[in-house]
């Protein structure tokens, strides 16, 4: 368990370090990389699905995302490094594809907040799908601490990619369902074994 905590911490701090390095390079060189974000329904904007979560519209944007990324990313990785990375990949792709399909024409979408919303709903849903009491308890704690973020999936403040938030959250739910498959199959097997046992 101690090794898992250490590895999860190293991975998420390394990811945040990457975010700060990219923003630092932009600042030092004066080269704005925001054009590499998601440009909805443009063929050349598809590459933004890969790059958008590591790009930010300035230091304020990055700093605002830093604590949720550290906390929720770390907790997602505590599900197991492989499972946490798989959840992140699912959220990354679903959020990007959904934003590309539904974002406003002429807009550019970027930022790690799509991952934040995905990790949030992954942590909220995986215990429920897997019927794991410990994970459900963790999800309730996360809900108390960060549940208010979920309002961000609704259209609201101009300049905020609610599409990225919404599809990030959808990706997190999908990841929670997909990655709890072993627990769900085990539960169905246990029920079948009980029903077949002699009385």
N, C-alpha and C. Protein backbone atom coordinates (compact mmCIF):
# COMPACT_ATOMS: atom_id res chain seq x y z
N UNK A 1 0.83 -1.20 0.00
CA UNK A 1 0.00 0.00 0.00
C UNK A 1 0.87 1.27 0.00
N UNK A 2 1.95 1.23 0.81
CA UNK A 2 2.84 2.39 0.86
C UNK A 2 3.48 2.63 -0.50
N UNK A 3 3.84 1.54 -1.18
CA UNK A 3 4.45 1.66 -2.51
C UNK A 3 3.45 2.25 -3.50
N UNK A 4 2.19 1.83 -3.41
CA UNK A 4 1.15 2.36 -4.30
C UNK A 4 0.98 3.86 -4.09
N UNK A 5 0.93 4.29 -2.83
CA UNK A 5 0.79 5.72 -2.54
C UNK A 5 1.98 6.49 -3.11
N UNK A 6 3.17 5.93 -2.95
CA UNK A 6 4.36 6.61 -3.45
C UNK A 6 4.32 6.71 -4.97
N UNK A 7 3.99 5.61 -5.63
CA UNK A 7 3.96 5.61 -7.09
C UNK A 7 2.87 6.54 -7.60
N UNK A 8 1.71 6.53 -6.97
CA UNK A 8 0.63 7.43 -7.38
C UNK A 8 1.05 8.89 -7.22
N UNK A 9 1.72 9.18 -6.11
CA UNK A 9 2.19 10.54 -5.88
C UNK A 9 3.21 10.98 -6.92
N UNK A 10 4.14 10.08 -7.24
CA UNK A 10 5.16 10.41 -8.24
C UNK A 10 4.53 10.66 -9.60
N UNK A 11 3.58 9.81 -9.99
CA UNK A 11 2.94 9.95 -11.31
C UNK A 11 2.17 11.27 -11.40
N UNK A 12 1.37 11.59 -10.40
CA UNK A 12 0.54 12.79 -10.52
C UNK A 12 1.37 14.06 -10.37
N UNK A 13 2.38 14.03 -9.51
CA UNK A 13 3.27 15.20 -9.41
C UNK A 13 4.06 15.37 -10.71
N UNK A 14 4.47 14.25 -11.31
CA UNK A 14 5.15 14.33 -12.60
C UNK A 14 4.25 14.92 -13.67
N UNK A 15 2.97 14.54 -13.67
CA UNK A 15 2.02 15.08 -14.65
C UNK A 15 1.85 16.59 -14.45
N UNK A 16 1.69 17.00 -13.20
CA UNK A 16 1.56 18.44 -12.93
C UNK A 16 2.85 19.17 -13.32
N UNK A 17 3.99 18.54 -13.07
CA UNK A 17 5.25 19.12 -13.50
C UNK A 17 5.29 19.33 -15.01
N UNK A 18 4.74 18.37 -15.76
CA UNK A 18 4.65 18.51 -17.22
C UNK A 18 3.79 19.71 -17.59
N UNK A 19 2.65 19.87 -16.93
CA UNK A 19 1.77 21.01 -17.21
C UNK A 19 2.49 22.34 -16.99
N UNK A 20 3.23 22.43 -15.88
CA UNK A 20 3.95 23.66 -15.57
C UNK A 20 5.12 23.88 -16.53
N UNK A 21 5.74 22.80 -16.95
CA UNK A 21 6.84 22.92 -17.90
C UNK A 21 6.35 23.47 -19.24
N UNK A 22 5.21 22.96 -19.70
CA UNK A 22 4.65 23.43 -20.96
C UNK A 22 4.29 24.91 -20.87
N UNK A 23 3.65 25.29 -19.77
CA UNK A 23 3.27 26.71 -19.61
C UNK A 23 4.52 27.57 -19.48
N UNK A 24 5.55 27.03 -18.82
CA UNK A 24 6.80 27.78 -18.69
C UNK A 24 7.48 27.99 -20.03
N UNK A 25 7.48 26.96 -20.86
CA UNK A 25 8.07 27.09 -22.20
C UNK A 25 7.32 28.15 -23.00
N UNK A 26 5.99 28.13 -22.90
CA UNK A 26 5.20 29.14 -23.60
C UNK A 26 5.58 30.55 -23.15
N UNK A 27 5.75 30.71 -21.84
CA UNK A 27 6.08 32.03 -21.30
C UNK A 27 7.47 32.49 -21.73
N UNK A 28 8.44 31.60 -21.62
CA UNK A 28 9.82 31.95 -21.92
C UNK A 28 10.02 32.23 -23.42
N UNK A 29 9.42 31.40 -24.25
CA UNK A 29 9.63 31.55 -25.70
C UNK A 29 8.66 32.53 -26.35
N UNK A 30 7.57 32.83 -25.62
CA UNK A 30 6.55 33.69 -26.20
C UNK A 30 5.76 33.00 -27.30
N UNK A 31 5.87 31.67 -27.36
CA UNK A 31 5.19 30.89 -28.39
C UNK A 31 3.90 30.32 -27.80
N UNK A 32 2.77 30.80 -28.26
CA UNK A 32 1.48 30.38 -27.73
C UNK A 32 1.07 29.05 -28.36
N UNK A 33 0.89 28.02 -27.53
CA UNK A 33 0.52 26.70 -28.03
C UNK A 33 -0.99 26.45 -27.98
N UNK A 34 -1.75 27.48 -27.57
CA UNK A 34 -3.18 27.28 -27.41
C UNK A 34 -3.88 26.88 -28.71
N UNK A 35 -3.29 27.21 -29.84
CA UNK A 35 -3.88 26.83 -31.13
C UNK A 35 -3.96 25.32 -31.28
N UNK A 36 -3.18 24.58 -30.47
CA UNK A 36 -3.17 23.12 -30.55
C UNK A 36 -4.29 22.49 -29.75
N UNK A 37 -5.19 23.30 -29.20
CA UNK A 37 -6.34 22.76 -28.48
C UNK A 37 -7.38 22.19 -29.43
N UNK A 38 -8.52 21.81 -28.89
CA UNK A 38 -9.59 21.21 -29.69
C UNK A 38 -10.36 22.31 -30.42
N UNK A 39 -10.43 22.20 -31.74
CA UNK A 39 -11.23 23.11 -32.55
C UNK A 39 -12.40 22.29 -33.11
N UNK A 40 -13.59 22.49 -32.56
CA UNK A 40 -14.73 21.62 -32.90
C UNK A 40 -15.01 21.52 -34.39
N UNK A 41 -15.19 20.28 -34.82
CA UNK A 41 -15.61 19.90 -36.17
C UNK A 41 -14.66 20.37 -37.27
N UNK A 42 -13.44 20.72 -36.91
CA UNK A 42 -12.40 20.99 -37.89
C UNK A 42 -11.45 19.80 -37.94
N UNK A 43 -11.15 19.33 -39.12
CA UNK A 43 -10.28 18.16 -39.26
C UNK A 43 -8.93 18.41 -38.60
N UNK A 44 -8.38 19.61 -38.79
CA UNK A 44 -7.08 19.90 -38.18
C UNK A 44 -7.20 20.17 -36.69
N UNK A 45 -8.42 20.22 -36.17
CA UNK A 45 -8.63 20.38 -34.74
C UNK A 45 -8.73 19.07 -33.99
N UNK A 46 -8.75 17.95 -34.75
CA UNK A 46 -8.83 16.64 -34.11
C UNK A 46 -7.60 16.34 -33.26
N UNK A 47 -6.44 16.83 -33.69
CA UNK A 47 -5.21 16.58 -32.91
C UNK A 47 -5.30 17.20 -31.53
N UNK A 48 -6.17 18.18 -31.38
CA UNK A 48 -6.35 18.80 -30.07
C UNK A 48 -6.85 17.83 -29.02
N UNK A 49 -7.51 16.74 -29.45
CA UNK A 49 -7.96 15.73 -28.49
C UNK A 49 -6.78 15.18 -27.71
N UNK A 50 -5.63 15.06 -28.38
CA UNK A 50 -4.43 14.54 -27.72
C UNK A 50 -3.76 15.59 -26.83
N UNK A 51 -3.81 16.85 -27.25
CA UNK A 51 -3.00 17.87 -26.58
C UNK A 51 -3.77 18.77 -25.61
N UNK A 52 -5.08 18.90 -25.78
CA UNK A 52 -5.84 19.90 -25.01
C UNK A 52 -5.67 19.80 -23.50
N UNK A 53 -5.68 18.58 -22.90
CA UNK A 53 -5.59 18.53 -21.43
C UNK A 53 -4.27 19.00 -20.84
N UNK A 54 -3.23 19.13 -21.66
CA UNK A 54 -1.94 19.58 -21.11
C UNK A 54 -1.67 21.05 -21.45
N UNK A 55 -2.63 21.71 -22.09
CA UNK A 55 -2.47 23.12 -22.45
C UNK A 55 -3.42 23.97 -21.62
N UNK A 56 -2.99 25.18 -21.28
CA UNK A 56 -3.82 26.08 -20.48
C UNK A 56 -3.74 27.50 -21.01
N UNK A 57 -4.82 28.22 -20.79
CA UNK A 57 -4.89 29.59 -21.27
C UNK A 57 -4.26 30.57 -20.31
N UNK A 58 -3.04 30.32 -19.89
CA UNK A 58 -2.33 31.22 -18.99
C UNK A 58 -2.13 30.60 -17.61
N UNK A 59 -1.32 31.29 -16.81
CA UNK A 59 -0.97 30.77 -15.47
C UNK A 59 -2.17 30.70 -14.54
N UNK A 60 -3.08 31.67 -14.62
CA UNK A 60 -4.26 31.63 -13.74
C UNK A 60 -5.08 30.37 -13.99
N UNK A 61 -5.25 30.03 -15.25
CA UNK A 61 -5.99 28.83 -15.62
C UNK A 61 -5.31 27.58 -15.06
N UNK A 62 -4.01 27.49 -15.24
CA UNK A 62 -3.25 26.34 -14.75
C UNK A 62 -3.28 26.25 -13.23
N UNK A 63 -3.03 27.37 -12.57
CA UNK A 63 -3.01 27.38 -11.10
C UNK A 63 -4.37 26.97 -10.55
N UNK A 64 -5.45 27.43 -11.19
CA UNK A 64 -6.79 27.06 -10.74
C UNK A 64 -7.07 25.57 -10.85
N UNK A 65 -6.43 24.92 -11.82
CA UNK A 65 -6.63 23.48 -12.00
C UNK A 65 -5.68 22.62 -11.16
N UNK A 66 -4.63 23.22 -10.62
CA UNK A 66 -3.56 22.43 -10.01
C UNK A 66 -4.02 21.58 -8.83
N UNK A 67 -4.67 22.17 -7.85
CA UNK A 67 -5.06 21.40 -6.66
C UNK A 67 -6.04 20.28 -6.99
N UNK A 68 -7.12 20.54 -7.77
CA UNK A 68 -8.01 19.42 -8.13
C UNK A 68 -7.29 18.32 -8.90
N UNK A 69 -6.36 18.69 -9.79
CA UNK A 69 -5.61 17.69 -10.53
C UNK A 69 -4.79 16.84 -9.57
N UNK A 70 -4.09 17.48 -8.64
CA UNK A 70 -3.27 16.73 -7.68
C UNK A 70 -4.12 15.80 -6.83
N UNK A 71 -5.21 16.31 -6.27
CA UNK A 71 -6.02 15.52 -5.33
C UNK A 71 -6.78 14.41 -6.04
N UNK A 72 -7.56 14.78 -7.06
CA UNK A 72 -8.41 13.79 -7.72
C UNK A 72 -7.60 12.82 -8.58
N UNK A 73 -6.54 13.33 -9.22
CA UNK A 73 -5.67 12.43 -9.98
C UNK A 73 -4.99 11.42 -9.08
N UNK A 74 -4.52 11.86 -7.92
CA UNK A 74 -3.89 10.97 -6.96
C UNK A 74 -4.86 9.90 -6.48
N UNK A 75 -6.08 10.31 -6.14
CA UNK A 75 -7.08 9.35 -5.66
C UNK A 75 -7.46 8.35 -6.75
N UNK A 76 -7.55 8.82 -8.00
CA UNK A 76 -7.86 7.90 -9.10
C UNK A 76 -6.75 6.86 -9.26
N UNK A 77 -5.51 7.28 -9.10
CA UNK A 77 -4.38 6.36 -9.24
C UNK A 77 -4.30 5.36 -8.08
N UNK A 78 -4.91 5.70 -6.94
CA UNK A 78 -4.93 4.76 -5.83
C UNK A 78 -5.82 3.56 -6.11
N UNK A 79 -6.61 3.63 -7.19
CA UNK A 79 -7.37 2.45 -7.62
C UNK A 79 -6.43 1.39 -8.18
N UNK A 80 -5.16 1.74 -8.30
CA UNK A 80 -4.15 0.92 -8.96
C UNK A 80 -3.59 1.75 -10.10
N UNK A 81 -2.28 1.78 -10.25
CA UNK A 81 -1.69 2.66 -11.26
C UNK A 81 -2.23 2.33 -12.65
N UNK A 82 -2.26 1.06 -12.99
CA UNK A 82 -2.77 0.67 -14.31
C UNK A 82 -4.22 1.07 -14.49
N UNK A 83 -5.03 0.82 -13.47
CA UNK A 83 -6.45 1.16 -13.56
C UNK A 83 -6.65 2.67 -13.60
N UNK A 84 -5.89 3.40 -12.80
CA UNK A 84 -6.01 4.85 -12.81
C UNK A 84 -5.60 5.45 -14.15
N UNK A 85 -4.54 4.90 -14.75
CA UNK A 85 -4.11 5.39 -16.06
C UNK A 85 -5.12 5.02 -17.13
N UNK A 86 -5.72 3.84 -17.02
CA UNK A 86 -6.76 3.44 -17.98
C UNK A 86 -7.97 4.37 -17.87
N UNK A 87 -8.37 4.70 -16.64
CA UNK A 87 -9.48 5.63 -16.44
C UNK A 87 -9.16 6.98 -17.05
N UNK A 88 -7.91 7.43 -16.85
CA UNK A 88 -7.49 8.72 -17.41
C UNK A 88 -7.55 8.70 -18.92
N UNK A 89 -7.09 7.60 -19.53
CA UNK A 89 -7.12 7.50 -20.99
C UNK A 89 -8.55 7.52 -21.52
N UNK A 90 -9.46 6.83 -20.85
CA UNK A 90 -10.87 6.82 -21.27
C UNK A 90 -11.44 8.22 -21.18
N UNK A 91 -11.21 8.89 -20.05
CA UNK A 91 -11.72 10.26 -19.87
C UNK A 91 -11.13 11.18 -20.93
N UNK A 92 -9.84 11.07 -21.15
CA UNK A 92 -9.12 11.92 -22.12
C UNK A 92 -9.78 11.83 -23.49
N UNK A 93 -10.05 10.60 -23.95
CA UNK A 93 -10.60 10.39 -25.29
C UNK A 93 -12.07 10.79 -25.36
N UNK A 94 -12.87 10.37 -24.39
CA UNK A 94 -14.30 10.69 -24.41
C UNK A 94 -14.52 12.20 -24.31
N UNK A 95 -13.79 12.84 -23.40
CA UNK A 95 -13.93 14.29 -23.24
C UNK A 95 -13.53 15.02 -24.51
N UNK A 96 -12.42 14.60 -25.10
CA UNK A 96 -11.94 15.26 -26.31
C UNK A 96 -12.88 15.06 -27.48
N UNK A 97 -13.33 13.83 -27.68
CA UNK A 97 -14.22 13.54 -28.81
C UNK A 97 -15.56 14.25 -28.64
N UNK A 98 -16.10 14.23 -27.42
CA UNK A 98 -17.38 14.90 -27.18
C UNK A 98 -17.28 16.40 -27.38
N UNK A 99 -16.18 16.99 -26.94
CA UNK A 99 -15.98 18.42 -27.12
C UNK A 99 -15.82 18.77 -28.60
N UNK A 100 -15.07 17.94 -29.32
CA UNK A 100 -14.87 18.18 -30.75
C UNK A 100 -16.21 18.13 -31.51
N UNK A 101 -17.10 17.24 -31.08
CA UNK A 101 -18.38 17.09 -31.76
C UNK A 101 -19.37 18.19 -31.40
N UNK A 102 -19.33 18.72 -30.18
CA UNK A 102 -20.40 19.60 -29.70
C UNK A 102 -19.97 21.03 -29.38
N UNK A 103 -18.68 21.31 -29.36
CA UNK A 103 -18.21 22.65 -29.01
C UNK A 103 -18.66 23.69 -30.03
N UNK A 104 -18.65 24.93 -29.60
CA UNK A 104 -19.08 26.02 -30.48
C UNK A 104 -18.11 26.18 -31.64
N UNK A 105 -18.68 26.43 -32.82
CA UNK A 105 -17.87 26.64 -34.01
C UNK A 105 -16.96 27.85 -33.82
N UNK A 106 -15.69 27.70 -34.18
CA UNK A 106 -14.74 28.79 -34.06
C UNK A 106 -14.08 28.90 -32.69
N UNK A 107 -14.47 28.04 -31.75
CA UNK A 107 -13.88 28.08 -30.41
C UNK A 107 -12.69 27.13 -30.33
N UNK A 108 -11.86 27.32 -29.29
CA UNK A 108 -10.75 26.42 -29.01
C UNK A 108 -10.85 26.00 -27.56
N UNK A 109 -10.77 24.70 -27.31
CA UNK A 109 -10.96 24.16 -25.97
C UNK A 109 -9.67 23.53 -25.47
N UNK A 110 -9.29 23.87 -24.25
CA UNK A 110 -8.07 23.30 -23.67
C UNK A 110 -8.15 23.35 -22.15
N UNK A 111 -7.25 22.61 -21.50
CA UNK A 111 -7.18 22.61 -20.04
C UNK A 111 -7.42 21.24 -19.45
N UNK A 112 -6.83 21.02 -18.28
CA UNK A 112 -6.93 19.73 -17.59
C UNK A 112 -8.23 19.55 -16.83
N UNK A 113 -9.12 20.55 -16.88
CA UNK A 113 -10.36 20.43 -16.11
C UNK A 113 -11.24 19.29 -16.63
N UNK A 114 -11.10 18.92 -17.92
CA UNK A 114 -11.86 17.77 -18.41
C UNK A 114 -11.44 16.51 -17.66
N UNK A 115 -10.14 16.39 -17.35
CA UNK A 115 -9.67 15.25 -16.56
C UNK A 115 -10.18 15.33 -15.13
N UNK A 116 -10.20 16.53 -14.57
CA UNK A 116 -10.70 16.72 -13.21
C UNK A 116 -12.13 16.22 -13.08
N UNK A 117 -12.99 16.60 -14.03
CA UNK A 117 -14.38 16.16 -13.98
C UNK A 117 -14.49 14.66 -14.20
N UNK A 118 -13.63 14.12 -15.07
CA UNK A 118 -13.64 12.68 -15.29
C UNK A 118 -13.19 11.89 -14.07
N UNK A 119 -12.11 12.35 -13.44
CA UNK A 119 -11.65 11.67 -12.23
C UNK A 119 -12.71 11.75 -11.14
N UNK A 120 -13.39 12.89 -11.05
CA UNK A 120 -14.41 13.07 -10.03
C UNK A 120 -15.52 12.04 -10.20
N UNK A 121 -16.08 11.92 -11.41
CA UNK A 121 -17.18 10.98 -11.59
C UNK A 121 -16.70 9.53 -11.57
N UNK A 122 -15.45 9.29 -11.95
CA UNK A 122 -14.89 7.94 -11.82
C UNK A 122 -14.85 7.54 -10.35
N UNK A 123 -14.37 8.43 -9.51
CA UNK A 123 -14.30 8.13 -8.07
C UNK A 123 -15.68 7.99 -7.46
N UNK A 124 -16.65 8.75 -7.96
CA UNK A 124 -18.01 8.67 -7.43
C UNK A 124 -18.72 7.39 -7.86
N UNK A 125 -18.40 6.91 -9.07
CA UNK A 125 -19.20 5.81 -9.64
C UNK A 125 -18.59 4.43 -9.47
N UNK A 126 -17.27 4.32 -9.37
CA UNK A 126 -16.67 2.98 -9.42
C UNK A 126 -17.09 2.13 -8.24
N UNK A 127 -17.22 2.72 -7.05
CA UNK A 127 -17.66 1.96 -5.89
C UNK A 127 -19.09 1.47 -6.04
N UNK A 128 -19.94 2.32 -6.63
CA UNK A 128 -21.33 1.95 -6.85
C UNK A 128 -21.43 0.80 -7.84
N UNK A 129 -20.73 0.93 -8.98
CA UNK A 129 -20.77 -0.14 -9.98
C UNK A 129 -20.19 -1.44 -9.44
N UNK A 130 -19.12 -1.34 -8.64
CA UNK A 130 -18.47 -2.52 -8.11
C UNK A 130 -19.04 -3.00 -6.79
N UNK A 131 -19.99 -2.24 -6.21
CA UNK A 131 -20.58 -2.54 -4.90
C UNK A 131 -19.49 -2.73 -3.84
N UNK A 132 -18.50 -1.81 -3.86
CA UNK A 132 -17.40 -1.87 -2.92
C UNK A 132 -17.61 -0.78 -1.87
N UNK A 133 -17.81 -1.17 -0.62
CA UNK A 133 -18.16 -0.21 0.43
C UNK A 133 -17.04 0.80 0.67
N UNK A 134 -15.78 0.35 0.63
CA UNK A 134 -14.68 1.28 0.83
C UNK A 134 -14.62 2.33 -0.26
N UNK A 135 -14.82 1.92 -1.50
CA UNK A 135 -14.80 2.86 -2.61
C UNK A 135 -16.02 3.79 -2.57
N UNK A 136 -17.17 3.27 -2.14
CA UNK A 136 -18.35 4.11 -1.99
C UNK A 136 -18.10 5.19 -0.94
N UNK A 137 -17.47 4.79 0.18
CA UNK A 137 -17.15 5.76 1.24
C UNK A 137 -16.21 6.84 0.71
N UNK A 138 -15.18 6.43 -0.05
CA UNK A 138 -14.26 7.41 -0.64
C UNK A 138 -15.02 8.33 -1.59
N UNK A 139 -15.92 7.75 -2.39
CA UNK A 139 -16.72 8.56 -3.31
C UNK A 139 -17.56 9.60 -2.59
N UNK A 140 -18.10 9.23 -1.43
CA UNK A 140 -18.90 10.18 -0.65
C UNK A 140 -18.05 11.32 -0.11
N UNK A 141 -16.83 11.00 0.32
CA UNK A 141 -15.91 12.04 0.78
C UNK A 141 -15.57 12.98 -0.37
N UNK A 142 -15.28 12.41 -1.53
CA UNK A 142 -14.97 13.22 -2.71
C UNK A 142 -16.17 14.08 -3.08
N UNK A 143 -17.38 13.53 -2.97
CA UNK A 143 -18.59 14.28 -3.29
C UNK A 143 -18.74 15.49 -2.37
N UNK A 144 -18.47 15.30 -1.09
CA UNK A 144 -18.56 16.40 -0.13
C UNK A 144 -17.54 17.49 -0.46
N UNK A 145 -16.31 17.07 -0.81
CA UNK A 145 -15.23 18.03 -1.04
C UNK A 145 -15.34 18.73 -2.39
N UNK A 146 -15.73 17.96 -3.42
CA UNK A 146 -15.65 18.50 -4.79
C UNK A 146 -16.96 18.40 -5.56
N UNK A 147 -18.03 17.96 -4.91
CA UNK A 147 -19.30 17.78 -5.61
C UNK A 147 -19.83 19.04 -6.26
N UNK A 148 -19.53 20.20 -5.68
CA UNK A 148 -20.02 21.46 -6.25
C UNK A 148 -19.45 21.72 -7.64
N UNK A 149 -18.33 21.08 -7.97
CA UNK A 149 -17.75 21.23 -9.30
C UNK A 149 -18.70 20.74 -10.39
N UNK A 150 -19.60 19.81 -10.03
CA UNK A 150 -20.45 19.20 -11.04
C UNK A 150 -21.37 20.21 -11.72
N UNK A 151 -21.59 21.37 -11.07
CA UNK A 151 -22.38 22.41 -11.74
C UNK A 151 -21.68 22.90 -13.00
N UNK A 152 -20.38 22.65 -13.08
CA UNK A 152 -19.61 23.11 -14.23
C UNK A 152 -19.92 22.37 -15.52
N UNK A 153 -20.75 21.31 -15.45
CA UNK A 153 -21.14 20.62 -16.68
C UNK A 153 -22.25 21.35 -17.41
N UNK A 154 -22.80 22.40 -16.80
CA UNK A 154 -23.89 23.16 -17.40
C UNK A 154 -23.35 24.42 -18.07
N UNK A 155 -23.99 24.83 -19.16
CA UNK A 155 -23.56 26.09 -19.80
C UNK A 155 -23.65 27.23 -18.80
N UNK A 156 -22.66 28.06 -18.79
CA UNK A 156 -22.65 29.15 -17.81
C UNK A 156 -21.69 30.25 -18.18
N UNK A 157 -20.59 30.31 -17.46
CA UNK A 157 -19.65 31.41 -17.62
C UNK A 157 -19.01 31.39 -19.01
N UNK A 158 -19.03 32.53 -19.72
CA UNK A 158 -18.38 32.60 -21.03
C UNK A 158 -16.89 32.29 -20.92
N UNK A 159 -16.38 31.58 -21.90
CA UNK A 159 -14.96 31.24 -21.90
C UNK A 159 -14.63 29.96 -21.17
N UNK A 160 -15.62 29.35 -20.53
CA UNK A 160 -15.42 28.08 -19.82
C UNK A 160 -15.98 26.95 -20.68
N UNK A 161 -15.19 25.93 -20.92
CA UNK A 161 -15.62 24.82 -21.77
C UNK A 161 -16.50 23.85 -20.98
N UNK A 162 -17.79 24.18 -20.91
CA UNK A 162 -18.70 23.27 -20.21
C UNK A 162 -18.80 21.94 -20.97
N UNK A 163 -18.56 21.97 -22.29
CA UNK A 163 -18.57 20.71 -23.05
C UNK A 163 -17.45 19.79 -22.58
N UNK A 164 -16.25 20.36 -22.35
CA UNK A 164 -15.15 19.56 -21.83
C UNK A 164 -15.48 18.99 -20.46
N UNK A 165 -16.12 19.81 -19.62
CA UNK A 165 -16.52 19.34 -18.29
C UNK A 165 -17.55 18.22 -18.39
N UNK A 166 -18.57 18.45 -19.23
CA UNK A 166 -19.65 17.48 -19.36
C UNK A 166 -19.14 16.13 -19.88
N UNK A 167 -18.37 16.17 -20.97
CA UNK A 167 -17.92 14.91 -21.54
C UNK A 167 -16.77 14.29 -20.74
N UNK A 168 -16.04 15.10 -19.99
CA UNK A 168 -15.11 14.54 -19.03
C UNK A 168 -15.85 13.74 -17.98
N UNK A 169 -16.96 14.30 -17.47
CA UNK A 169 -17.77 13.60 -16.48
C UNK A 169 -18.37 12.32 -17.06
N UNK A 170 -18.84 12.39 -18.31
CA UNK A 170 -19.38 11.20 -18.97
C UNK A 170 -18.28 10.14 -19.11
N UNK A 171 -17.09 10.58 -19.48
CA UNK A 171 -15.96 9.65 -19.60
C UNK A 171 -15.63 8.99 -18.28
N UNK A 172 -15.71 9.75 -17.18
CA UNK A 172 -15.45 9.18 -15.86
C UNK A 172 -16.47 8.12 -15.47
N UNK A 173 -17.74 8.38 -15.79
CA UNK A 173 -18.78 7.38 -15.51
C UNK A 173 -18.54 6.11 -16.34
N UNK A 174 -18.19 6.31 -17.60
CA UNK A 174 -17.92 5.16 -18.47
C UNK A 174 -16.72 4.37 -17.96
N UNK A 175 -15.67 5.09 -17.54
CA UNK A 175 -14.48 4.43 -16.99
C UNK A 175 -14.84 3.66 -15.72
N UNK A 176 -15.68 4.26 -14.86
CA UNK A 176 -16.09 3.58 -13.64
C UNK A 176 -16.82 2.27 -13.94
N UNK A 177 -17.65 2.29 -14.98
CA UNK A 177 -18.39 1.09 -15.35
C UNK A 177 -17.47 0.05 -15.97
N UNK A 178 -16.65 0.48 -16.93
CA UNK A 178 -15.76 -0.46 -17.62
C UNK A 178 -14.77 -1.10 -16.64
N UNK A 179 -14.17 -0.29 -15.78
CA UNK A 179 -13.10 -0.78 -14.92
C UNK A 179 -13.60 -1.46 -13.65
N UNK A 180 -14.91 -1.52 -13.48
CA UNK A 180 -15.47 -2.31 -12.37
C UNK A 180 -16.01 -3.64 -12.89
N UNK A 181 -15.67 -3.96 -14.14
CA UNK A 181 -16.19 -5.18 -14.76
C UNK A 181 -15.85 -6.44 -13.99
N UNK A 182 -14.62 -6.54 -13.48
CA UNK A 182 -14.22 -7.74 -12.73
C UNK A 182 -15.09 -7.92 -11.50
N UNK A 183 -15.34 -6.81 -10.77
CA UNK A 183 -16.16 -6.90 -9.56
C UNK A 183 -17.59 -7.29 -9.91
N UNK A 184 -18.12 -6.72 -11.01
CA UNK A 184 -19.49 -7.04 -11.40
C UNK A 184 -19.62 -8.50 -11.82
N UNK A 185 -18.64 -9.01 -12.58
CA UNK A 185 -18.68 -10.41 -12.98
C UNK A 185 -18.54 -11.33 -11.77
N UNK A 186 -17.66 -10.95 -10.83
CA UNK A 186 -17.50 -11.77 -9.63
C UNK A 186 -18.79 -11.81 -8.82
N UNK A 187 -19.47 -10.65 -8.75
CA UNK A 187 -20.73 -10.59 -7.99
C UNK A 187 -21.80 -11.46 -8.65
N UNK A 188 -21.87 -11.41 -10.00
CA UNK A 188 -22.84 -12.26 -10.69
C UNK A 188 -22.52 -13.73 -10.48
N UNK A 189 -21.21 -14.08 -10.49
CA UNK A 189 -20.81 -15.46 -10.26
C UNK A 189 -21.18 -15.93 -8.87
N UNK A 190 -20.99 -15.05 -7.88
CA UNK A 190 -21.34 -15.41 -6.50
C UNK A 190 -22.84 -15.64 -6.38
N UNK A 191 -23.64 -14.80 -7.04
CA UNK A 191 -25.10 -14.96 -6.97
C UNK A 191 -25.52 -16.26 -7.63
N UNK A 192 -24.87 -16.58 -8.78
CA UNK A 192 -25.21 -17.82 -9.48
C UNK A 192 -24.84 -19.03 -8.62
N UNK A 193 -23.70 -18.96 -7.93
CA UNK A 193 -23.26 -20.06 -7.09
C UNK A 193 -24.22 -20.27 -5.93
N UNK A 194 -24.71 -19.17 -5.36
CA UNK A 194 -25.66 -19.27 -4.24
C UNK A 194 -26.97 -19.91 -4.73
N UNK A 195 -27.43 -19.46 -5.91
CA UNK A 195 -28.71 -19.98 -6.41
C UNK A 195 -28.63 -21.45 -6.80
N UNK A 196 -27.42 -21.91 -7.18
CA UNK A 196 -27.27 -23.30 -7.59
C UNK A 196 -26.93 -24.25 -6.43
N UNK A 197 -26.54 -23.67 -5.28
CA UNK A 197 -26.16 -24.53 -4.14
C UNK A 197 -27.38 -25.24 -3.58
N UNK A 198 -27.23 -26.48 -3.11
CA UNK A 198 -28.36 -27.22 -2.55
C UNK A 198 -28.85 -26.57 -1.27
N UNK A 199 -30.13 -26.69 -1.04
CA UNK A 199 -30.71 -26.09 0.16
C UNK A 199 -30.71 -27.13 1.28
